[in-house]
Amino acid sequence: MMGKFRQSTISLLKDYDHLIAYPPKEGILKGMLAGRVNEKNLEEVKTEELNKVHEKETFFVLDTDASQEAAVIASNSRQGLIVHGPPVTGKSQVIANLIADRLAKGKKNLVSLSKTCCS
């Protein structure tokens, strides 16, 4: 993994150091650390993802727009999802809804983030 981190994210760097020192024996993180990435997982999510499931098959706890719903739905057919964008665009809602949807379906979640709080 590569990234540019501010000093204020030192706890995140310690987590990465631990991950590298004790790499996982299976799963997506093992593949990522070995440099194996499925290119499909890097594609931008399109709102056409909404056509893949019925509304009753999703479990959202916060209001969403079409692009946010598509991101959560796409996460069910991908090994991972990176949520990024400018401030105040709904990234936190996507993450909260993704976690709720996965938990409601009995699936595991791994969330890694570094968020600066406003004062």
PDB file of N, CA and C in Angstrom:
ATOM      1  N   MET A   1       0.838  -1.172   0.000  1.00  0.00           N
ATOM      2  CA  MET A   1       0.000   0.000   0.000  1.00  0.00           C
ATOM      3  C   MET A   1       0.879   1.230   0.000  1.00  0.00           C
ATOM      4  N   MET A   2       0.447   2.205  -0.742  1.00  0.00           N
ATOM      5  CA  MET A   2       1.196   3.449  -0.794  1.00  0.00           C
ATOM      6  C   MET A   2       0.262   4.583  -0.438  1.00  0.00           C
ATOM      7  N   GLY A   3       0.793   5.585   0.159  1.00  0.00           N
ATOM      8  CA  GLY A   3      -0.029   6.728   0.498  1.00  0.00           C
ATOM      9  C   GLY A   3       0.817   7.863   1.010  1.00  0.00           C
ATOM     10  N   LYS A   4       0.228   9.010   1.034  1.00  0.00           N
ATOM     11  CA  LYS A   4       0.878  10.190   1.602  1.00  0.00           C
ATOM     12  C   LYS A   4       0.077  10.550   2.837  1.00  0.00           C
ATOM     13  N   PHE A   5       0.699  10.459   3.997  1.00  0.00           N
ATOM     14  CA  PHE A   5      -0.009  10.647   5.255  1.00  0.00           C
ATOM     15  C   PHE A   5       0.598  11.805   6.033  1.00  0.00           C
ATOM     16  N   ARG A   6      -0.263  12.571   6.668  1.00  0.00           N
ATOM     17  CA  ARG A   6       0.221  13.631   7.553  1.00  0.00           C
ATOM     18  C   ARG A   6       0.678  12.979   8.862  1.00  0.00           C
ATOM     19  N   GLN A   7       1.508  13.685   9.597  1.00  0.00           N
ATOM     20  CA  GLN A   7       1.996  13.181  10.884  1.00  0.00           C
ATOM     21  C   GLN A   7       0.853  12.913  11.848  1.00  0.00           C
ATOM     22  N   SER A   8      -0.261  13.620  11.694  1.00  0.00           N
ATOM     23  CA  SER A   8      -1.378  13.424  12.610  1.00  0.00           C
ATOM     24  C   SER A   8      -2.019  12.054  12.454  1.00  0.00           C
ATOM     25  N   THR A   9      -1.657  11.324  11.402  1.00  0.00           N
ATOM     26  CA  THR A   9      -2.226   9.994  11.188  1.00  0.00           C
ATOM     27  C   THR A   9      -1.249   8.902  11.623  1.00  0.00           C
ATOM     28  N   ILE A  10      -0.380   9.208  12.551  1.00  0.00           N
ATOM     29  CA  ILE A  10       0.642   8.261  12.989  1.00  0.00           C
ATOM     30  C   ILE A  10       0.045   6.945  13.486  1.00  0.00           C
ATOM     31  N   SER A  11      -1.135   6.961  14.089  1.00  0.00           N
ATOM     32  CA  SER A  11      -1.743   5.714  14.550  1.00  0.00           C
ATOM     33  C   SER A  11      -2.097   4.828  13.361  1.00  0.00           C
ATOM     34  N   LEU A  12      -2.494   5.418  12.250  1.00  0.00           N
ATOM     35  CA  LEU A  12      -2.783   4.662  11.041  1.00  0.00           C
ATOM     36  C   LEU A  12      -1.508   4.021  10.501  1.00  0.00           C
ATOM     37  N   LEU A  13      -0.411   4.751  10.548  1.00  0.00           N
ATOM     38  CA  LEU A  13       0.863   4.198  10.098  1.00  0.00           C
ATOM     39  C   LEU A  13       1.292   3.021  10.966  1.00  0.00           C
ATOM     40  N   LYS A  14       1.054   3.096  12.262  1.00  0.00           N
ATOM     41  CA  LYS A  14       1.373   1.976  13.153  1.00  0.00           C
ATOM     42  C   LYS A  14       0.548   0.747  12.789  1.00  0.00           C
ATOM     43  N   ASP A  15      -0.718   0.972  12.429  1.00  0.00           N
ATOM     44  CA  ASP A  15      -1.564  -0.144  11.994  1.00  0.00           C
ATOM     45  C   ASP A  15      -1.009  -0.788  10.731  1.00  0.00           C
ATOM     46  N   TYR A  16      -0.566   0.034   9.774  1.00  0.00           N
ATOM     47  CA  TYR A  16       0.019  -0.501   8.543  1.00  0.00           C
ATOM     48  C   TYR A  16       1.308  -1.250   8.837  1.00  0.00           C
ATOM     49  N   ASP A  17       2.149  -0.720   9.730  1.00  0.00           N
ATOM     50  CA  ASP A  17       3.378  -1.421  10.108  1.00  0.00           C
ATOM     51  C   ASP A  17       3.057  -2.789  10.687  1.00  0.00           C
ATOM     52  N   HIS A  18       2.036  -2.856  11.537  1.00  0.00           N
ATOM     53  CA  HIS A  18       1.626  -4.128  12.134  1.00  0.00           C
ATOM     54  C   HIS A  18       1.125  -5.090  11.050  1.00  0.00           C
ATOM     55  N   LEU A  19       0.365  -4.575  10.104  1.00  0.00           N
ATOM     56  CA  LEU A  19      -0.160  -5.394   9.015  1.00  0.00           C
ATOM     57  C   LEU A  19       0.968  -5.978   8.168  1.00  0.00           C
ATOM     58  N   ILE A  20       1.989  -5.191   7.924  1.00  0.00           N
ATOM     59  CA  ILE A  20       3.126  -5.665   7.135  1.00  0.00           C
ATOM     60  C   ILE A  20       3.952  -6.667   7.929  1.00  0.00           C
ATOM     61  N   ALA A  21       4.117  -6.426   9.231  1.00  0.00           N
ATOM     62  CA  ALA A  21       4.882  -7.346  10.071  1.00  0.00           C
ATOM     63  C   ALA A  21       4.161  -8.675  10.270  1.00  0.00           C
ATOM     64  N   TYR A  22       2.847  -8.643  10.320  1.00  0.00           N
ATOM     65  CA  TYR A  22       2.032  -9.844  10.528  1.00  0.00           C
ATOM     66  C   TYR A  22       0.982  -9.938   9.421  1.00  0.00           C
ATOM     67  N   PRO A  23       1.421 -10.267   8.198  1.00  0.00           N
ATOM     68  CA  PRO A  23       0.486 -10.262   7.062  1.00  0.00           C
ATOM     69  C   PRO A  23      -0.601 -11.319   7.211  1.00  0.00           C
ATOM     70  N   PRO A  24      -1.772 -11.043   6.662  1.00  0.00           N
ATOM     71  CA  PRO A  24      -2.866 -12.013   6.739  1.00  0.00           C
ATOM     72  C   PRO A  24      -2.551 -13.250   5.921  1.00  0.00           C
ATOM     73  N   LYS A  25      -3.113 -14.370   6.319  1.00  0.00           N
ATOM     74  CA  LYS A  25      -2.864 -15.634   5.642  1.00  0.00           C
ATOM     75  C   LYS A  25      -3.878 -15.907   4.530  1.00  0.00           C
ATOM     76  N   GLU A  26      -4.966 -15.128   4.481  1.00  0.00           N
ATOM     77  CA  GLU A  26      -5.976 -15.321   3.446  1.00  0.00           C
ATOM     78  C   GLU A  26      -6.757 -14.012   3.255  1.00  0.00           C
ATOM     79  N   GLY A  27      -7.585 -13.962   2.234  1.00  0.00           N
ATOM     80  CA  GLY A  27      -8.475 -12.825   2.025  1.00  0.00           C
ATOM     81  C   GLY A  27      -7.905 -11.736   1.146  1.00  0.00           C
ATOM     82  N   ILE A  28      -8.691 -10.683   1.004  1.00  0.00           N
ATOM     83  CA  ILE A  28      -8.352  -9.581   0.105  1.00  0.00           C
ATOM     84  C   ILE A  28      -7.055  -8.875   0.509  1.00  0.00           C
ATOM     85  N   LEU A  29      -6.827  -8.711   1.806  1.00  0.00           N
ATOM     86  CA  LEU A  29      -5.607  -8.013   2.230  1.00  0.00           C
ATOM     87  C   LEU A  29      -4.362  -8.794   1.848  1.00  0.00           C
ATOM     88  N   LYS A  30      -4.424 -10.130   1.909  1.00  0.00           N
ATOM     89  CA  LYS A  30      -3.278 -10.929   1.495  1.00  0.00           C
ATOM     90  C   LYS A  30      -2.970 -10.654   0.030  1.00  0.00           C
ATOM     91  N   GLY A  31      -4.005 -10.642  -0.808  1.00  0.00           N
ATOM     92  CA  GLY A  31      -3.808 -10.373  -2.230  1.00  0.00           C
ATOM     93  C   GLY A  31      -3.283  -8.980  -2.490  1.00  0.00           C
ATOM     94  N   MET A  32      -3.826  -8.001  -1.775  1.00  0.00           N
ATOM     95  CA  MET A  32      -3.385  -6.619  -1.968  1.00  0.00           C
ATOM     96  C   MET A  32      -1.921  -6.452  -1.583  1.00  0.00           C
ATOM     97  N   LEU A  33      -1.531  -7.028  -0.473  1.00  0.00           N
ATOM     98  CA  LEU A  33      -0.148  -6.902  -0.027  1.00  0.00           C
ATOM     99  C   LEU A  33       0.815  -7.630  -0.951  1.00  0.00           C
ATOM    100  N   ALA A  34       0.311  -8.668  -1.651  1.00  0.00           N
ATOM    101  CA  ALA A  34       1.136  -9.408  -2.598  1.00  0.00           C
ATOM    102  C   ALA A  34       1.117  -8.762  -3.986  1.00  0.00           C
ATOM    103  N   GLY A  35       0.360  -7.662  -4.140  1.00  0.00           N
ATOM    104  CA  GLY A  35       0.307  -6.970  -5.415  1.00  0.00           C
ATOM    105  C   GLY A  35      -0.682  -7.553  -6.402  1.00  0.00           C
ATOM    106  N   ARG A  36      -1.588  -8.416  -5.919  1.00  0.00           N
ATOM    107  CA  ARG A  36      -2.607  -8.997  -6.791  1.00  0.00           C
ATOM    108  C   ARG A  36      -3.919  -8.251  -6.559  1.00  0.00           C
ATOM    109  N   VAL A  37      -4.376  -7.549  -7.584  1.00  0.00           N
ATOM    110  CA  VAL A  37      -5.606  -6.775  -7.482  1.00  0.00           C
ATOM    111  C   VAL A  37      -6.478  -7.086  -8.698  1.00  0.00           C
ATOM    112  N   ASN A  38      -7.742  -7.377  -8.463  1.00  0.00           N
ATOM    113  CA  ASN A  38      -8.698  -7.591  -9.535  1.00  0.00           C
ATOM    114  C   ASN A  38      -9.061  -6.223 -10.109  1.00  0.00           C
ATOM    115  N   GLU A  39      -8.779  -6.010 -11.384  1.00  0.00           N
ATOM    116  CA  GLU A  39      -9.014  -4.702 -12.013  1.00  0.00           C
ATOM    117  C   GLU A  39     -10.482  -4.273 -11.923  1.00  0.00           C
ATOM    118  N   LYS A  40     -11.416  -5.220 -11.878  1.00  0.00           N
ATOM    119  CA  LYS A  40     -12.839  -4.888 -11.763  1.00  0.00           C
ATOM    120  C   LYS A  40     -13.100  -4.097 -10.483  1.00  0.00           C
ATOM    121  N   ASN A  41     -12.345  -4.402  -9.439  1.00  0.00           N
ATOM    122  CA  ASN A  41     -12.528  -3.728  -8.160  1.00  0.00           C
ATOM    123  C   ASN A  41     -12.080  -2.270  -8.192  1.00  0.00           C
ATOM    124  N   LEU A  42     -11.350  -1.879  -9.231  1.00  0.00           N
ATOM    125  CA  LEU A  42     -10.853  -0.509  -9.319  1.00  0.00           C
ATOM    126  C   LEU A  42     -11.731   0.373 -10.202  1.00  0.00           C
ATOM    127  N   GLU A  43     -12.730  -0.232 -10.858  1.00  0.00           N
ATOM    128  CA  GLU A  43     -13.597   0.525 -11.758  1.00  0.00           C
ATOM    129  C   GLU A  43     -14.524   1.453 -10.970  1.00  0.00           C
ATOM    130  N   GLU A  44     -14.834   2.592 -11.581  1.00  0.00           N
ATOM    131  CA  GLU A  44     -15.778   3.525 -10.976  1.00  0.00           C
ATOM    132  C   GLU A  44     -17.164   2.891 -10.930  1.00  0.00           C
ATOM    133  N   VAL A  45     -17.882   3.142  -9.862  1.00  0.00           N
ATOM    134  CA  VAL A  45     -19.225   2.587  -9.692  1.00  0.00           C
ATOM    135  C   VAL A  45     -20.211   3.430 -10.501  1.00  0.00           C
ATOM    136  N   LYS A  46     -21.033   2.769 -11.286  1.00  0.00           N
ATOM    137  CA  LYS A  46     -22.066   3.437 -12.094  1.00  0.00           C
ATOM    138  C   LYS A  46     -23.429   3.235 -11.440  1.00  0.00           C
ATOM    139  N   THR A  47     -24.337   4.171 -11.650  1.00  0.00           N
ATOM    140  CA  THR A  47     -25.673   4.051 -11.044  1.00  0.00           C
ATOM    141  C   THR A  47     -26.472   2.895 -11.625  1.00  0.00           C
ATOM    142  N   GLU A  48     -26.011   2.294 -12.713  1.00  0.00           N
ATOM    143  CA  GLU A  48     -26.674   1.107 -13.261  1.00  0.00           C
ATOM    144  C   GLU A  48     -26.648  -0.053 -12.267  1.00  0.00           C
ATOM    145  N   GLU A  49     -25.770   0.031 -11.277  1.00  0.00           N
ATOM    146  CA  GLU A  49     -25.714  -0.991 -10.227  1.00  0.00           C
ATOM    147  C   GLU A  49     -27.063  -1.135  -9.530  1.00  0.00           C
ATOM    148  N   LEU A  50     -27.848  -0.049  -9.516  1.00  0.00           N
ATOM    149  CA  LEU A  50     -29.145  -0.066  -8.842  1.00  0.00           C
ATOM    150  C   LEU A  50     -30.094  -1.076  -9.476  1.00  0.00           C
ATOM    151  N   ASN A  51     -29.904  -1.396 -10.747  1.00  0.00           N
ATOM    152  CA  ASN A  51     -30.773  -2.342 -11.439  1.00  0.00           C
ATOM    153  C   ASN A  51     -30.469  -3.793 -11.071  1.00  0.00           C
ATOM    154  N   LYS A  52     -29.398  -4.035 -10.340  1.00  0.00           N
ATOM    155  CA  LYS A  52     -28.987  -5.403 -10.031  1.00  0.00           C
ATOM    156  C   LYS A  52     -29.722  -6.011  -8.843  1.00  0.00           C
ATOM    157  N   VAL A  53     -30.334  -5.192  -8.005  1.00  0.00           N
ATOM    158  CA  VAL A  53     -31.026  -5.711  -6.818  1.00  0.00           C
ATOM    159  C   VAL A  53     -32.356  -5.007  -6.625  1.00  0.00           C
ATOM    160  N   HIS A  54     -33.232  -5.679  -5.921  1.00  0.00           N
ATOM    161  CA  HIS A  54     -34.519  -5.078  -5.567  1.00  0.00           C
ATOM    162  C   HIS A  54     -34.331  -4.252  -4.300  1.00  0.00           C
ATOM    163  N   GLU A  55     -35.095  -3.187  -4.180  1.00  0.00           N
ATOM    164  CA  GLU A  55     -34.977  -2.280  -3.029  1.00  0.00           C
ATOM    165  C   GLU A  55     -35.099  -3.016  -1.700  1.00  0.00           C
ATOM    166  N   LYS A  56     -35.912  -4.073  -1.655  1.00  0.00           N
ATOM    167  CA  LYS A  56     -36.109  -4.823  -0.408  1.00  0.00           C
ATOM    168  C   LYS A  56     -34.887  -5.630  -0.007  1.00  0.00           C
ATOM    169  N   GLU A  57     -33.911  -5.744  -0.905  1.00  0.00           N
ATOM    170  CA  GLU A  57     -32.692  -6.500  -0.619  1.00  0.00           C
ATOM    171  C   GLU A  57     -31.596  -5.639  -0.013  1.00  0.00           C
ATOM    172  N   THR A  58     -31.867  -4.356   0.195  1.00  0.00           N
ATOM    173  CA  THR A  58     -30.864  -3.457   0.772  1.00  0.00           C
ATOM    174  C   THR A  58     -31.321  -2.985   2.145  1.00  0.00           C
ATOM    175  N   PHE A  59     -30.346  -2.691   2.976  1.00  0.00           N
ATOM    176  CA  PHE A  59     -30.620  -2.283   4.353  1.00  0.00           C
ATOM    177  C   PHE A  59     -29.855  -1.001   4.654  1.00  0.00           C
ATOM    178  N   PHE A  60     -30.487   0.136   4.387  1.00  0.00           N
ATOM    179  CA  PHE A  60     -29.850   1.429   4.612  1.00  0.00           C
ATOM    180  C   PHE A  60     -30.408   2.064   5.880  1.00  0.00           C
ATOM    181  N   VAL A  61     -29.535   2.691   6.640  1.00  0.00           N
ATOM    182  CA  VAL A  61     -29.955   3.348   7.877  1.00  0.00           C
ATOM    183  C   VAL A  61     -29.999   4.866   7.734  1.00  0.00           C
ATOM    184  N   LEU A  62     -29.420   5.383   6.651  1.00  0.00           N
ATOM    185  CA  LEU A  62     -29.414   6.827   6.381  1.00  0.00           C
ATOM    186  C   LEU A  62     -29.952   7.086   4.986  1.00  0.00           C
ATOM    187  N   ASP A  63     -30.521   8.268   4.774  1.00  0.00           N
ATOM    188  CA  ASP A  63     -30.985   8.652   3.443  1.00  0.00           C
ATOM    189  C   ASP A  63     -29.808   8.641   2.465  1.00  0.00           C
ATOM    190  N   THR A  64     -30.097   8.255   1.219  1.00  0.00           N
ATOM    191  CA  THR A  64     -29.045   8.169   0.209  1.00  0.00           C
ATOM    192  C   THR A  64     -29.521   8.745  -1.110  1.00  0.00           C
ATOM    193  N   ASP A  65     -28.561   9.060  -1.965  1.00  0.00           N
ATOM    194  CA  ASP A  65     -28.900   9.390  -3.343  1.00  0.00           C
ATOM    195  C   ASP A  65     -28.501   8.186  -4.203  1.00  0.00           C
ATOM    196  N   ALA A  66     -28.760   8.262  -5.510  1.00  0.00           N
ATOM    197  CA  ALA A  66     -28.532   7.118  -6.390  1.00  0.00           C
ATOM    198  C   ALA A  66     -27.070   6.670  -6.409  1.00  0.00           C
ATOM    199  N   SER A  67     -26.137   7.614  -6.433  1.00  0.00           N
ATOM    200  CA  SER A  67     -24.722   7.232  -6.490  1.00  0.00           C
ATOM    201  C   SER A  67     -24.270   6.557  -5.201  1.00  0.00           C
ATOM    202  N   GLN A  68     -24.805   7.001  -4.054  1.00  0.00           N
ATOM    203  CA  GLN A  68     -24.457   6.375  -2.780  1.00  0.00           C
ATOM    204  C   GLN A  68     -25.017   4.961  -2.702  1.00  0.00           C
ATOM    205  N   GLU A  69     -26.266   4.788  -3.137  1.00  0.00           N
ATOM    206  CA  GLU A  69     -26.865   3.451  -3.143  1.00  0.00           C
ATOM    207  C   GLU A  69     -26.080   2.526  -4.072  1.00  0.00           C
ATOM    208  N   ALA A  70     -25.694   3.038  -5.239  1.00  0.00           N
ATOM    209  CA  ALA A  70     -24.940   2.234  -6.198  1.00  0.00           C
ATOM    210  C   ALA A  70     -23.615   1.767  -5.610  1.00  0.00           C
ATOM    211  N   ALA A  71     -22.953   2.624  -4.848  1.00  0.00           N
ATOM    212  CA  ALA A  71     -21.682   2.245  -4.235  1.00  0.00           C
ATOM    213  C   ALA A  71     -21.874   1.098  -3.251  1.00  0.00           C
ATOM    214  N   VAL A  72     -22.922   1.163  -2.438  1.00  0.00           N
ATOM    215  CA  VAL A  72     -23.180   0.093  -1.471  1.00  0.00           C
ATOM    216  C   VAL A  72     -23.516  -1.201  -2.201  1.00  0.00           C
ATOM    217  N   ILE A  73     -24.365  -1.128  -3.212  1.00  0.00           N
ATOM    218  CA  ILE A  73     -24.750  -2.314  -3.971  1.00  0.00           C
ATOM    219  C   ILE A  73     -23.537  -2.919  -4.678  1.00  0.00           C
ATOM    220  N   ALA A  74     -22.693  -2.082  -5.267  1.00  0.00           N
ATOM    221  CA  ALA A  74     -21.488  -2.561  -5.955  1.00  0.00           C
ATOM    222  C   ALA A  74     -20.552  -3.268  -4.989  1.00  0.00           C
ATOM    223  N   SER A  75     -20.523  -2.828  -3.755  1.00  0.00           N
ATOM    224  CA  SER A  75     -19.619  -3.443  -2.774  1.00  0.00           C
ATOM    225  C   SER A  75     -19.948  -4.911  -2.533  1.00  0.00           C
ATOM    226  N   ASN A  76     -21.175  -5.314  -2.825  1.00  0.00           N
ATOM    227  CA  ASN A  76     -21.556  -6.715  -2.615  1.00  0.00           C
ATOM    228  C   ASN A  76     -20.964  -7.645  -3.661  1.00  0.00           C
ATOM    229  N   SER A  77     -20.527  -7.105  -4.807  1.00  0.00           N
ATOM    230  CA  SER A  77     -19.952  -7.957  -5.844  1.00  0.00           C
ATOM    231  C   SER A  77     -18.464  -7.677  -6.056  1.00  0.00           C
ATOM    232  N   ARG A  78     -17.885  -6.899  -5.163  1.00  0.00           N
ATOM    233  CA  ARG A  78     -16.458  -6.573  -5.248  1.00  0.00           C
ATOM    234  C   ARG A  78     -15.762  -7.014  -3.972  1.00  0.00           C
ATOM    235  N   GLN A  79     -14.450  -7.165  -4.075  1.00  0.00           N
ATOM    236  CA  GLN A  79     -13.682  -7.530  -2.892  1.00  0.00           C
ATOM    237  C   GLN A  79     -13.437  -6.346  -1.982  1.00  0.00           C
ATOM    238  N   GLY A  80     -13.602  -5.157  -2.478  1.00  0.00           N
ATOM    239  CA  GLY A  80     -13.369  -3.971  -1.674  1.00  0.00           C
ATOM    240  C   GLY A  80     -13.946  -2.755  -2.356  1.00  0.00           C
ATOM    241  N   LEU A  81     -13.957  -1.663  -1.641  1.00  0.00           N
ATOM    242  CA  LEU A  81     -14.505  -0.418  -2.179  1.00  0.00           C
ATOM    243  C   LEU A  81     -13.746   0.743  -1.560  1.00  0.00           C
ATOM    244  N   ILE A  82     -13.328   1.667  -2.407  1.00  0.00           N
ATOM    245  CA  ILE A  82     -12.696   2.886  -1.921  1.00  0.00           C
ATOM    246  C   ILE A  82     -13.697   4.012  -2.135  1.00  0.00           C
ATOM    247  N   VAL A  83     -14.045   4.701  -1.062  1.00  0.00           N
ATOM    248  CA  VAL A  83     -14.983   5.816  -1.129  1.00  0.00           C
ATOM    249  C   VAL A  83     -14.166   7.093  -0.981  1.00  0.00           C
ATOM    250  N   HIS A  84     -14.200   7.934  -2.012  1.00  0.00           N
ATOM    251  CA  HIS A  84     -13.441   9.187  -1.949  1.00  0.00           C
ATOM    252  C   HIS A  84     -14.233  10.290  -2.615  1.00  0.00           C
ATOM    253  N   GLY A  85     -13.887  11.495  -2.304  1.00  0.00           N
ATOM    254  CA  GLY A  85     -14.561  12.644  -2.899  1.00  0.00           C
ATOM    255  C   GLY A  85     -14.350  13.874  -2.051  1.00  0.00           C
ATOM    256  N   PRO A  86     -14.791  15.019  -2.571  1.00  0.00           N
ATOM    257  CA  PRO A  86     -14.619  16.266  -1.816  1.00  0.00           C
ATOM    258  C   PRO A  86     -15.490  16.284  -0.565  1.00  0.00           C
ATOM    259  N   PRO A  87     -15.230  17.223   0.338  1.00  0.00           N
ATOM    260  CA  PRO A  87     -16.031  17.322   1.560  1.00  0.00           C
ATOM    261  C   PRO A  87     -17.521  17.497   1.272  1.00  0.00           C
ATOM    262  N   VAL A  88     -18.329  17.004   2.172  1.00  0.00           N
ATOM    263  CA  VAL A  88     -19.782  17.174   2.183  1.00  0.00           C
ATOM    264  C   VAL A  88     -20.448  16.574   0.932  1.00  0.00           C
ATOM    265  N   THR A  89     -19.959  15.402   0.509  1.00  0.00           N
ATOM    266  CA  THR A  89     -20.574  14.738  -0.646  1.00  0.00           C
ATOM    267  C   THR A  89     -21.228  13.411  -0.275  1.00  0.00           C
ATOM    268  N   GLY A  90     -21.257  13.084   1.018  1.00  0.00           N
ATOM    269  CA  GLY A  90     -21.964  11.885   1.459  1.00  0.00           C
ATOM    270  C   GLY A  90     -21.117  10.647   1.652  1.00  0.00           C
ATOM    271  N   LYS A  91     -19.813  10.807   1.749  1.00  0.00           N
ATOM    272  CA  LYS A  91     -18.950   9.635   1.952  1.00  0.00           C
ATOM    273  C   LYS A  91     -19.272   8.923   3.262  1.00  0.00           C
ATOM    274  N   SER A  92     -19.502   9.669   4.323  1.00  0.00           N
ATOM    275  CA  SER A  92     -19.814   9.055   5.620  1.00  0.00           C
ATOM    276  C   SER A  92     -21.134   8.299   5.574  1.00  0.00           C
ATOM    277  N   GLN A  93     -22.113   8.815   4.826  1.00  0.00           N
ATOM    278  CA  GLN A  93     -23.392   8.110   4.684  1.00  0.00           C
ATOM    279  C   GLN A  93     -23.187   6.793   3.939  1.00  0.00           C
ATOM    280  N   VAL A  94     -22.355   6.806   2.906  1.00  0.00           N
ATOM    281  CA  VAL A  94     -22.069   5.576   2.161  1.00  0.00           C
ATOM    282  C   VAL A  94     -21.445   4.548   3.091  1.00  0.00           C
ATOM    283  N   ILE A  95     -20.472   4.978   3.877  1.00  0.00           N
ATOM    284  CA  ILE A  95     -19.780   4.055   4.768  1.00  0.00           C
ATOM    285  C   ILE A  95     -20.737   3.500   5.820  1.00  0.00           C
ATOM    286  N   ALA A  96     -21.548   4.362   6.429  1.00  0.00           N
ATOM    287  CA  ALA A  96     -22.512   3.904   7.437  1.00  0.00           C
ATOM    288  C   ALA A  96     -23.521   2.928   6.824  1.00  0.00           C
ATOM    289  N   ASN A  97     -24.034   3.243   5.650  1.00  0.00           N
ATOM    290  CA  ASN A  97     -24.994   2.365   4.995  1.00  0.00           C
ATOM    291  C   ASN A  97     -24.348   1.063   4.531  1.00  0.00           C
ATOM    292  N   LEU A  98     -23.109   1.134   4.085  1.00  0.00           N
ATOM    293  CA  LEU A  98     -22.393  -0.077   3.684  1.00  0.00           C
ATOM    294  C   LEU A  98     -22.231  -1.015   4.873  1.00  0.00           C
ATOM    295  N   ILE A  99     -21.811  -0.473   6.005  1.00  0.00           N
ATOM    296  CA  ILE A  99     -21.644  -1.294   7.210  1.00  0.00           C
ATOM    297  C   ILE A  99     -22.977  -1.890   7.633  1.00  0.00           C
ATOM    298  N   ALA A 100     -24.036  -1.088   7.675  1.00  0.00           N
ATOM    299  CA  ALA A 100     -25.358  -1.581   8.081  1.00  0.00           C
ATOM    300  C   ALA A 100     -25.858  -2.663   7.135  1.00  0.00           C
ATOM    301  N   ASP A 101     -25.710  -2.445   5.835  1.00  0.00           N
ATOM    302  CA  ASP A 101     -26.167  -3.412   4.838  1.00  0.00           C
ATOM    303  C   ASP A 101     -25.435  -4.740   4.989  1.00  0.00           C
ATOM    304  N   ARG A 102     -24.121  -4.674   5.153  1.00  0.00           N
ATOM    305  CA  ARG A 102     -23.319  -5.904   5.287  1.00  0.00           C
ATOM    306  C   ARG A 102     -23.646  -6.635   6.590  1.00  0.00           C
ATOM    307  N   LEU A 103     -23.775  -5.904   7.675  1.00  0.00           N
ATOM    308  CA  LEU A 103     -24.109  -6.545   8.951  1.00  0.00           C
ATOM    309  C   LEU A 103     -25.490  -7.196   8.887  1.00  0.00           C
ATOM    310  N   ALA A 104     -26.457  -6.527   8.263  1.00  0.00           N
ATOM    311  CA  ALA A 104     -27.805  -7.085   8.138  1.00  0.00           C
ATOM    312  C   ALA A 104     -27.794  -8.378   7.326  1.00  0.00           C
ATOM    313  N   LYS A 105     -26.801  -8.526   6.446  1.00  0.00           N
ATOM    314  CA  LYS A 105     -26.687  -9.729   5.616  1.00  0.00           C
ATOM    315  C   LYS A 105     -25.735 -10.759   6.224  1.00  0.00           C
ATOM    316  N   GLY A 106     -25.257 -10.482   7.444  1.00  0.00           N
ATOM    317  CA  GLY A 106     -24.365 -11.422   8.127  1.00  0.00           C
ATOM    318  C   GLY A 106     -22.961 -11.461   7.554  1.00  0.00           C
ATOM    319  N   LYS A 107     -22.539 -10.395   6.881  1.00  0.00           N
ATOM    320  CA  LYS A 107     -21.206 -10.342   6.277  1.00  0.00           C
ATOM    321  C   LYS A 107     -20.256  -9.539   7.148  1.00  0.00           C
ATOM    322  N   LYS A 108     -18.972  -9.771   6.937  1.00  0.00           N
ATOM    323  CA  LYS A 108     -17.939  -9.071   7.689  1.00  0.00           C
ATOM    324  C   LYS A 108     -17.611  -7.742   7.037  1.00  0.00           C
ATOM    325  N   ASN A 109     -17.087  -6.812   7.836  1.00  0.00           N
ATOM    326  CA  ASN A 109     -16.673  -5.491   7.379  1.00  0.00           C
ATOM    327  C   ASN A 109     -15.274  -5.190   7.883  1.00  0.00           C
ATOM    328  N   LEU A 110     -14.487  -4.562   7.053  1.00  0.00           N
ATOM    329  CA  LEU A 110     -13.220  -3.988   7.478  1.00  0.00           C
ATOM    330  C   LEU A 110     -13.224  -2.562   6.960  1.00  0.00           C
ATOM    331  N   VAL A 111     -13.168  -1.617   7.864  1.00  0.00           N
ATOM    332  CA  VAL A 111     -13.185  -0.206   7.481  1.00  0.00           C
ATOM    333  C   VAL A 111     -11.886   0.415   7.966  1.00  0.00           C
ATOM    334  N   SER A 112     -11.198   1.072   7.061  1.00  0.00           N
ATOM    335  CA  SER A 112      -9.972   1.775   7.407  1.00  0.00           C
ATOM    336  C   SER A 112     -10.120   3.195   6.885  1.00  0.00           C
ATOM    337  N   LEU A 113      -9.994   4.153   7.774  1.00  0.00           N
ATOM    338  CA  LEU A 113     -10.134   5.532   7.336  1.00  0.00           C
ATOM    339  C   LEU A 113      -9.311   6.458   8.203  1.00  0.00           C
ATOM    340  N   SER A 114      -9.072   7.588   7.643  1.00  0.00           N
ATOM    341  CA  SER A 114      -8.382   8.645   8.361  1.00  0.00           C
ATOM    342  C   SER A 114      -9.140   9.913   8.036  1.00  0.00           C
ATOM    343  N   LYS A 115      -9.850  10.421   9.018  1.00  0.00           N
ATOM    344  CA  LYS A 115     -10.701  11.573   8.789  1.00  0.00           C
ATOM    345  C   LYS A 115     -10.302  12.689   9.743  1.00  0.00           C
ATOM    346  N   THR A 116     -10.070  13.858   9.181  1.00  0.00           N
ATOM    347  CA  THR A 116      -9.767  15.026   9.980  1.00  0.00           C
ATOM    348  C   THR A 116     -11.073  15.670  10.432  1.00  0.00           C
ATOM    349  N   CYS A 117     -11.173  15.962  11.701  1.00  0.00           N
ATOM    350  CA  CYS A 117     -12.390  16.607  12.219  1.00  0.00           C
ATOM    351  C   CYS A 117     -12.284  18.119  12.090  1.00  0.00           C
ATOM    352  N   CYS A 118     -13.423  18.715  11.873  1.00  0.00           N
ATOM    353  CA  CYS A 118     -13.475  20.181  11.802  1.00  0.00           C
ATOM    354  C   CYS A 118     -13.563  20.749  13.214  1.00  0.00           C
ATOM    355  N   SER A 119     -13.049  21.933  13.399  1.00  0.00           N
ATOM    356  CA  SER A 119     -13.136  22.551  14.723  1.00  0.00           C
ATOM    357  C   SER A 119     -14.106  23.708  14.720  1.00  0.00           C
TER     358      SER A 119
END
